[in-house]
Amino acid sequence: MEITEILRQGIVTEKSVKLQERNQYTFKVALAANKIDVRRAVEQLFKVKVVSVNVMRMPGKPRLIRRRGSAPRPVEAREWKKAIVTLAEGESIDALKA
């Protein structure tokens, strides 16, 4: 898997902005990516030193699709994976600063 395929996008929410104060950044990553892949991708793309990586699978939530003229039908949203990356002291990723 290529490095550009591992990191999908940065996540900027209230919780992730609070984590940035502790030098932790949140990314949406590929389902097949593991901690080592995420570490290498962040270090090479942003030129920073990564201390630790936590990865978690986020389950797909049930949704209802409503269309005019037909009954609502339940659909399962896709499962995705999130990584919280802790950087070394003094390092930062300016692209995700809110």
Protein backbone atom coordinates (compact mmCIF):
# COMPACT_ATOMS: atom_id res chain seq x y z
CA MET A 1 0.00 0.00 0.00
CA GLU A 2 1.37 3.42 -0.96
CA ILE A 3 1.83 6.17 1.59
CA THR A 4 -0.65 8.47 -0.12
CA GLU A 5 -3.35 5.79 0.12
CA ILE A 6 -2.94 5.29 3.89
CA LEU A 7 -3.95 8.75 5.16
CA ARG A 8 -7.37 9.64 3.76
CA GLN A 9 -8.01 12.98 5.50
CA GLY A 10 -7.42 14.86 8.71
CA ILE A 11 -10.29 15.06 11.19
CA VAL A 12 -11.03 18.48 12.69
CA THR A 13 -13.71 18.32 15.40
CA GLU A 14 -13.99 19.84 18.87
CA LYS A 15 -12.42 16.78 20.44
CA SER A 16 -9.58 16.58 17.91
CA VAL A 17 -8.76 20.29 18.39
CA LYS A 18 -8.49 19.69 22.16
CA LEU A 19 -6.15 16.76 21.43
CA GLN A 20 -3.96 19.05 19.33
CA GLU A 21 -3.13 20.97 22.51
CA ARG A 22 -1.53 17.72 23.77
CA ASN A 23 0.31 17.30 20.43
CA GLN A 24 -2.07 14.57 19.18
CA TYR A 25 -3.56 14.67 15.66
CA THR A 26 -6.48 12.64 14.29
CA PHE A 27 -6.69 11.13 10.79
CA LYS A 28 -9.13 9.02 8.83
CA VAL A 29 -7.04 6.13 7.45
CA ALA A 30 -7.47 3.17 5.12
CA LEU A 31 -9.13 0.06 6.59
CA ALA A 32 -6.12 -2.08 5.68
CA ALA A 33 -3.60 0.27 7.36
CA ASN A 34 -1.90 -0.69 10.62
CA LYS A 35 0.02 1.38 13.20
CA ILE A 36 3.36 0.97 11.43
CA ASP A 37 1.91 2.11 8.08
CA VAL A 38 0.30 5.18 9.69
CA ARG A 39 3.54 6.10 11.50
CA ARG A 40 5.60 5.90 8.29
CA ALA A 41 3.03 7.88 6.30
CA VAL A 42 2.81 10.74 8.83
CA GLU A 43 6.59 10.93 9.26
CA GLN A 44 7.25 11.04 5.52
CA LEU A 45 4.39 13.34 4.47
CA PHE A 46 4.70 15.92 7.27
CA LYS A 47 8.42 15.53 8.16
CA VAL A 48 7.74 15.09 11.90
CA LYS A 49 8.77 12.57 14.59
CA VAL A 50 5.92 10.29 15.74
CA VAL A 51 5.99 9.01 19.33
CA SER A 52 2.92 6.74 19.28
CA VAL A 53 -0.09 5.77 17.16
CA ASN A 54 -3.51 4.58 18.36
CA VAL A 55 -5.81 3.03 15.75
CA MET A 56 -9.51 2.25 16.13
CA ARG A 57 -12.25 0.90 13.88
CA MET A 58 -15.40 2.99 13.78
CA PRO A 59 -18.56 0.95 13.07
CA GLY A 60 -20.98 1.90 10.34
CA LYS A 61 -24.21 3.35 11.71
CA PRO A 62 -27.68 2.38 10.47
CA ARG A 63 -29.26 5.07 8.28
CA LEU A 64 -32.63 5.50 6.60
CA ILE A 65 -32.83 6.53 2.96
CA ARG A 66 -36.02 8.42 2.24
CA ARG A 67 -37.23 9.05 -1.30
CA ARG A 68 -40.44 10.55 -2.52
CA GLY A 69 -42.90 7.93 -3.66
CA SER A 70 -41.29 4.97 -1.88
CA ALA A 71 -40.99 3.65 1.64
CA PRO A 72 -37.87 4.50 3.68
CA ARG A 73 -35.31 1.71 3.59
CA PRO A 74 -32.54 1.03 6.09
CA VAL A 75 -28.93 1.16 4.85
CA GLU A 76 -25.76 0.43 6.79
CA ALA A 77 -23.09 3.16 6.50
CA ARG A 78 -19.55 2.02 5.81
CA GLU A 79 -17.13 1.10 8.55
CA TRP A 80 -13.99 3.28 8.72
CA LYS A 81 -10.74 3.50 10.65
CA LYS A 82 -9.40 6.39 12.73
CA ALA A 83 -5.84 6.98 13.92
CA ILE A 84 -4.69 9.30 16.71
CA VAL A 85 -1.02 10.18 16.23
CA THR A 86 1.09 11.60 19.06
CA LEU A 87 4.04 13.71 17.93
CA ALA A 88 7.32 14.40 19.71
CA GLU A 89 7.62 17.52 21.89
CA GLY A 90 8.02 20.66 19.79
CA GLU A 91 6.65 19.09 16.58
CA SER A 92 3.35 20.12 14.94
CA ILE A 93 1.33 19.68 11.75
CA ASP A 94 0.29 23.11 10.50
CA ALA A 95 -2.13 21.72 7.88
CA LEU A 96 -4.53 20.51 10.62
CA LYS A 97 -4.40 23.54 12.90
CA ALA A 98 -7.88 24.94 13.46
